């Protein structure tokens, strides 16, 4: 499991696709956060465990030592036209609202 590897310090960053479910990420996210890491969607917003059960905006997890890499990956995705096209499914255009759709 990619998230387990981050939580246990075997990996610094894990990127999961947009079809993972909340039950795939909930427990490992808690372990990563407890270890000082971060788990967000592709655009940098915290994962939401209310409402839909899918992580439709993907998942990026990082260890505490990879915080800068996490920020850089999210910033890159906020500028990428292909990544932003995912938001258009929700009627949102542009990166200024990228984090809002995850909530």
N, C-alpha and C. Protein backbone atom coordinates (compact mmCIF):
# COMPACT_ATOMS: atom_id res chain seq x y z
N UNK A 1 0.83 -1.18 0.00
CA UNK A 1 0.00 0.00 0.00
C UNK A 1 0.88 1.24 0.00
N UNK A 2 0.63 2.14 -0.94
CA UNK A 2 1.45 3.34 -1.08
C UNK A 2 1.36 4.24 0.14
N UNK A 3 0.16 4.43 0.65
CA UNK A 3 0.00 5.31 1.81
C UNK A 3 0.66 4.72 3.05
N UNK A 4 0.58 3.43 3.20
CA UNK A 4 1.24 2.75 4.33
C UNK A 4 2.74 2.98 4.25
N UNK A 5 3.30 2.94 3.07
CA UNK A 5 4.73 3.17 2.90
C UNK A 5 5.14 4.57 3.35
N UNK A 6 4.30 5.56 3.05
CA UNK A 6 4.58 6.93 3.51
C UNK A 6 4.47 6.99 5.03
N UNK A 7 3.41 6.41 5.59
CA UNK A 7 3.20 6.45 7.04
C UNK A 7 4.35 5.79 7.80
N UNK A 8 4.92 4.73 7.23
CA UNK A 8 6.00 4.00 7.90
C UNK A 8 7.39 4.52 7.56
N UNK A 9 7.45 5.58 6.75
CA UNK A 9 8.74 6.16 6.42
C UNK A 9 9.51 5.46 5.33
N UNK A 10 8.88 4.51 4.64
CA UNK A 10 9.54 3.79 3.56
C UNK A 10 9.50 4.57 2.25
N UNK A 11 8.60 5.54 2.15
CA UNK A 11 8.48 6.40 0.96
C UNK A 11 8.22 7.82 1.44
N UNK A 12 8.62 8.78 0.64
CA UNK A 12 8.38 10.18 0.99
C UNK A 12 7.09 10.73 0.39
N UNK A 13 6.74 10.26 -0.80
CA UNK A 13 5.55 10.78 -1.49
C UNK A 13 4.81 9.62 -2.14
N UNK A 14 3.48 9.70 -2.10
CA UNK A 14 2.63 8.75 -2.83
C UNK A 14 1.56 9.55 -3.54
N UNK A 15 1.31 9.20 -4.79
CA UNK A 15 0.26 9.85 -5.56
C UNK A 15 -0.70 8.77 -6.02
N UNK A 16 -1.98 8.94 -5.66
CA UNK A 16 -3.01 7.96 -6.01
C UNK A 16 -3.95 8.56 -7.05
N UNK A 17 -4.55 7.71 -7.85
CA UNK A 17 -5.45 8.16 -8.91
C UNK A 17 -6.78 8.67 -8.34
N UNK A 18 -7.62 9.15 -9.22
CA UNK A 18 -8.89 9.78 -8.85
C UNK A 18 -10.02 8.80 -8.55
N UNK A 19 -9.74 7.52 -8.54
CA UNK A 19 -10.81 6.55 -8.31
C UNK A 19 -10.65 5.81 -6.99
N UNK A 20 -9.79 6.31 -6.10
CA UNK A 20 -9.70 5.69 -4.78
C UNK A 20 -10.92 6.11 -3.97
N UNK A 21 -11.26 5.32 -3.00
CA UNK A 21 -12.41 5.60 -2.15
C UNK A 21 -11.95 6.04 -0.77
N UNK A 22 -12.87 6.63 -0.02
CA UNK A 22 -12.55 7.09 1.32
C UNK A 22 -12.01 5.95 2.17
N UNK A 23 -12.57 4.76 2.03
CA UNK A 23 -12.10 3.64 2.85
C UNK A 23 -10.68 3.21 2.46
N UNK A 24 -10.21 3.61 1.28
CA UNK A 24 -8.83 3.33 0.88
C UNK A 24 -7.84 4.29 1.55
N UNK A 25 -8.32 5.46 1.95
CA UNK A 25 -7.42 6.50 2.43
C UNK A 25 -7.63 6.94 3.87
N UNK A 26 -8.77 6.66 4.44
CA UNK A 26 -9.09 7.19 5.78
C UNK A 26 -8.09 6.76 6.85
N UNK A 27 -7.93 5.49 7.08
CA UNK A 27 -7.01 5.02 8.12
C UNK A 27 -5.55 5.34 7.81
N UNK A 28 -5.08 5.11 6.57
CA UNK A 28 -3.68 5.46 6.29
C UNK A 28 -3.43 6.97 6.42
N UNK A 29 -4.42 7.78 6.09
CA UNK A 29 -4.26 9.23 6.24
C UNK A 29 -4.04 9.60 7.69
N UNK A 30 -4.79 8.97 8.58
CA UNK A 30 -4.63 9.24 10.01
C UNK A 30 -3.22 8.90 10.47
N UNK A 31 -2.68 7.79 9.98
CA UNK A 31 -1.32 7.39 10.35
C UNK A 31 -0.29 8.37 9.80
N UNK A 32 -0.49 8.83 8.58
CA UNK A 32 0.44 9.80 7.97
C UNK A 32 0.40 11.12 8.74
N UNK A 33 -0.80 11.59 9.05
CA UNK A 33 -0.93 12.84 9.81
C UNK A 33 -0.30 12.71 11.19
N UNK A 34 -0.49 11.57 11.84
CA UNK A 34 0.10 11.35 13.16
C UNK A 34 1.63 11.35 13.11
N UNK A 35 2.18 10.96 11.97
CA UNK A 35 3.63 10.94 11.80
C UNK A 35 4.17 12.29 11.32
N UNK A 36 3.29 13.30 11.20
CA UNK A 36 3.72 14.63 10.80
C UNK A 36 3.66 14.90 9.31
N UNK A 37 3.09 13.96 8.54
CA UNK A 37 2.98 14.13 7.10
C UNK A 37 1.70 14.84 6.70
N UNK A 38 1.43 14.84 5.41
CA UNK A 38 0.25 15.50 4.86
C UNK A 38 -0.44 14.61 3.85
N UNK A 39 -1.76 14.78 3.75
CA UNK A 39 -2.55 14.08 2.74
C UNK A 39 -3.56 15.09 2.21
N UNK A 40 -3.52 15.31 0.90
CA UNK A 40 -4.43 16.27 0.27
C UNK A 40 -4.93 15.71 -1.06
N UNK A 41 -5.81 16.48 -1.70
CA UNK A 41 -6.15 16.15 -3.08
C UNK A 41 -5.03 16.71 -3.96
N UNK A 42 -5.14 16.53 -5.29
CA UNK A 42 -4.10 16.98 -6.20
C UNK A 42 -3.85 18.47 -6.12
N UNK A 43 -4.84 19.23 -5.67
CA UNK A 43 -4.75 20.68 -5.67
C UNK A 43 -4.37 21.26 -4.32
N UNK A 44 -4.15 20.41 -3.31
CA UNK A 44 -3.68 20.86 -2.02
C UNK A 44 -4.72 20.98 -0.93
N UNK A 45 -5.97 20.65 -1.24
CA UNK A 45 -7.03 20.72 -0.23
C UNK A 45 -7.06 19.44 0.59
N UNK A 46 -7.38 19.54 1.87
CA UNK A 46 -7.50 18.32 2.68
C UNK A 46 -8.59 17.40 2.11
N UNK A 47 -8.42 16.11 2.28
CA UNK A 47 -9.46 15.18 1.84
C UNK A 47 -10.69 15.37 2.72
N UNK A 48 -11.84 15.21 2.12
CA UNK A 48 -13.09 15.34 2.86
C UNK A 48 -13.72 13.96 3.03
N UNK A 49 -14.12 13.66 4.24
CA UNK A 49 -14.77 12.38 4.50
C UNK A 49 -16.25 12.54 4.80
N UNK A 50 -16.82 13.61 4.31
CA UNK A 50 -18.27 13.81 4.38
C UNK A 50 -18.78 13.84 2.96
N UNK A 51 -19.97 13.37 2.74
CA UNK A 51 -20.52 13.37 1.38
C UNK A 51 -20.07 12.17 0.59
N UNK A 52 -19.70 12.41 -0.67
CA UNK A 52 -19.30 11.33 -1.58
C UNK A 52 -18.12 10.54 -1.02
N UNK A 53 -18.09 9.25 -1.31
CA UNK A 53 -17.04 8.38 -0.76
C UNK A 53 -15.80 8.31 -1.63
N UNK A 54 -15.82 8.93 -2.78
CA UNK A 54 -14.67 8.85 -3.68
C UNK A 54 -13.75 10.04 -3.54
N UNK A 55 -12.46 9.80 -3.76
CA UNK A 55 -11.47 10.87 -3.80
C UNK A 55 -11.34 11.32 -5.25
N UNK A 56 -12.35 11.98 -5.75
CA UNK A 56 -12.44 12.29 -7.18
C UNK A 56 -11.39 13.27 -7.66
N UNK A 57 -10.71 13.95 -6.75
CA UNK A 57 -9.65 14.87 -7.15
C UNK A 57 -8.27 14.32 -6.81
N UNK A 58 -8.18 12.99 -6.72
CA UNK A 58 -6.91 12.34 -6.48
C UNK A 58 -6.40 12.52 -5.07
N UNK A 59 -5.23 11.95 -4.81
CA UNK A 59 -4.63 11.98 -3.48
C UNK A 59 -3.12 12.13 -3.62
N UNK A 60 -2.57 13.05 -2.85
CA UNK A 60 -1.12 13.16 -2.70
C UNK A 60 -0.83 13.07 -1.21
N UNK A 61 0.05 12.16 -0.85
CA UNK A 61 0.46 12.00 0.54
C UNK A 61 1.96 12.17 0.61
N UNK A 62 2.41 12.79 1.71
CA UNK A 62 3.85 12.99 1.87
C UNK A 62 4.25 12.88 3.32
N UNK A 63 5.50 12.49 3.51
CA UNK A 63 6.08 12.45 4.85
C UNK A 63 6.40 13.88 5.27
N UNK A 64 6.72 14.05 6.54
CA UNK A 64 7.07 15.38 7.05
C UNK A 64 8.28 15.95 6.30
N UNK A 65 9.24 15.10 5.96
CA UNK A 65 10.44 15.59 5.29
C UNK A 65 10.21 15.94 3.81
N UNK A 66 9.06 15.60 3.27
CA UNK A 66 8.77 15.87 1.86
C UNK A 66 7.71 16.96 1.68
N UNK A 67 7.55 17.81 2.66
CA UNK A 67 6.52 18.85 2.59
C UNK A 67 6.71 19.77 1.39
N UNK A 68 7.95 20.16 1.09
CA UNK A 68 8.21 21.04 -0.06
C UNK A 68 7.87 20.34 -1.38
N UNK A 69 8.17 19.05 -1.48
CA UNK A 69 7.82 18.30 -2.68
C UNK A 69 6.31 18.21 -2.84
N UNK A 70 5.60 18.04 -1.73
CA UNK A 70 4.14 17.99 -1.74
C UNK A 70 3.59 19.31 -2.28
N UNK A 71 4.07 20.42 -1.72
CA UNK A 71 3.62 21.74 -2.17
C UNK A 71 3.92 21.96 -3.65
N UNK A 72 5.09 21.54 -4.09
CA UNK A 72 5.48 21.71 -5.49
C UNK A 72 4.59 20.90 -6.42
N UNK A 73 4.27 19.68 -6.02
CA UNK A 73 3.39 18.84 -6.86
C UNK A 73 2.01 19.47 -6.98
N UNK A 74 1.46 19.94 -5.87
CA UNK A 74 0.13 20.57 -5.91
C UNK A 74 0.16 21.85 -6.74
N UNK A 75 1.21 22.65 -6.61
CA UNK A 75 1.32 23.89 -7.39
C UNK A 75 1.40 23.58 -8.88
N UNK A 76 2.14 22.55 -9.22
CA UNK A 76 2.25 22.15 -10.63
C UNK A 76 0.89 21.72 -11.17
N UNK A 77 0.16 20.95 -10.40
CA UNK A 77 -1.16 20.49 -10.85
C UNK A 77 -2.16 21.64 -10.95
N UNK A 78 -2.03 22.65 -10.10
CA UNK A 78 -2.93 23.81 -10.18
C UNK A 78 -2.68 24.62 -11.44
N UNK A 79 -1.51 24.45 -12.06
CA UNK A 79 -1.20 25.16 -13.31
C UNK A 79 -1.39 24.30 -14.55
N UNK A 80 -1.66 23.02 -14.39
CA UNK A 80 -1.73 22.09 -15.51
C UNK A 80 -3.14 22.04 -16.09
N UNK A 81 -3.24 22.33 -17.38
CA UNK A 81 -4.55 22.37 -18.04
C UNK A 81 -5.27 21.03 -17.97
N UNK A 82 -4.55 19.93 -18.08
CA UNK A 82 -5.19 18.62 -18.01
C UNK A 82 -5.74 18.34 -16.62
N UNK A 83 -5.00 18.74 -15.59
CA UNK A 83 -5.49 18.56 -14.23
C UNK A 83 -6.69 19.46 -13.96
N UNK A 84 -6.62 20.69 -14.43
CA UNK A 84 -7.73 21.62 -14.21
C UNK A 84 -8.99 21.19 -14.96
N UNK A 85 -8.83 20.41 -16.02
CA UNK A 85 -9.99 19.92 -16.76
C UNK A 85 -10.87 19.04 -15.87
N UNK A 86 -10.27 18.40 -14.87
CA UNK A 86 -11.05 17.59 -13.94
C UNK A 86 -12.08 18.46 -13.23
N UNK A 87 -11.69 19.69 -12.91
CA UNK A 87 -12.59 20.60 -12.20
C UNK A 87 -13.79 21.00 -13.05
N UNK A 88 -13.60 21.03 -14.36
CA UNK A 88 -14.69 21.44 -15.24
C UNK A 88 -15.88 20.50 -15.15
N UNK A 89 -15.65 19.26 -14.73
CA UNK A 89 -16.77 18.34 -14.52
C UNK A 89 -17.72 18.87 -13.46
N UNK A 90 -17.19 19.73 -12.57
CA UNK A 90 -17.98 20.29 -11.48
C UNK A 90 -18.40 21.73 -11.77
N UNK A 91 -18.19 22.18 -13.00
CA UNK A 91 -18.58 23.53 -13.38
C UNK A 91 -17.62 24.61 -12.91
N UNK A 92 -16.39 24.25 -12.59
CA UNK A 92 -15.42 25.21 -12.09
C UNK A 92 -14.32 25.36 -13.12
N UNK A 93 -13.97 26.61 -13.40
CA UNK A 93 -12.89 26.88 -14.35
C UNK A 93 -11.81 27.68 -13.63
N UNK A 94 -10.56 27.28 -13.82
CA UNK A 94 -9.44 28.01 -13.25
C UNK A 94 -8.99 27.45 -11.91
N UNK A 95 -7.75 27.74 -11.57
CA UNK A 95 -7.17 27.17 -10.36
C UNK A 95 -7.54 27.89 -9.09
N UNK A 96 -8.12 29.09 -9.17
CA UNK A 96 -8.42 29.81 -7.94
C UNK A 96 -9.46 29.11 -7.09
N UNK A 97 -10.27 28.26 -7.70
CA UNK A 97 -11.28 27.54 -6.97
C UNK A 97 -10.95 26.06 -6.83
N UNK A 98 -9.76 25.67 -7.16
CA UNK A 98 -9.42 24.25 -7.18
C UNK A 98 -9.64 23.57 -5.84
N UNK A 99 -9.27 24.21 -4.77
CA UNK A 99 -9.40 23.56 -3.46
C UNK A 99 -10.84 23.53 -2.98
N UNK A 100 -11.66 24.47 -3.40
CA UNK A 100 -13.03 24.56 -2.90
C UNK A 100 -13.90 23.37 -3.27
N UNK A 101 -13.68 22.77 -4.42
CA UNK A 101 -14.54 21.67 -4.87
C UNK A 101 -14.37 20.44 -3.98
N UNK A 102 -13.24 20.30 -3.30
CA UNK A 102 -13.00 19.12 -2.48
C UNK A 102 -13.77 19.16 -1.17
N UNK A 103 -14.25 20.30 -0.81
CA UNK A 103 -14.95 20.43 0.48
C UNK A 103 -16.43 20.22 0.33
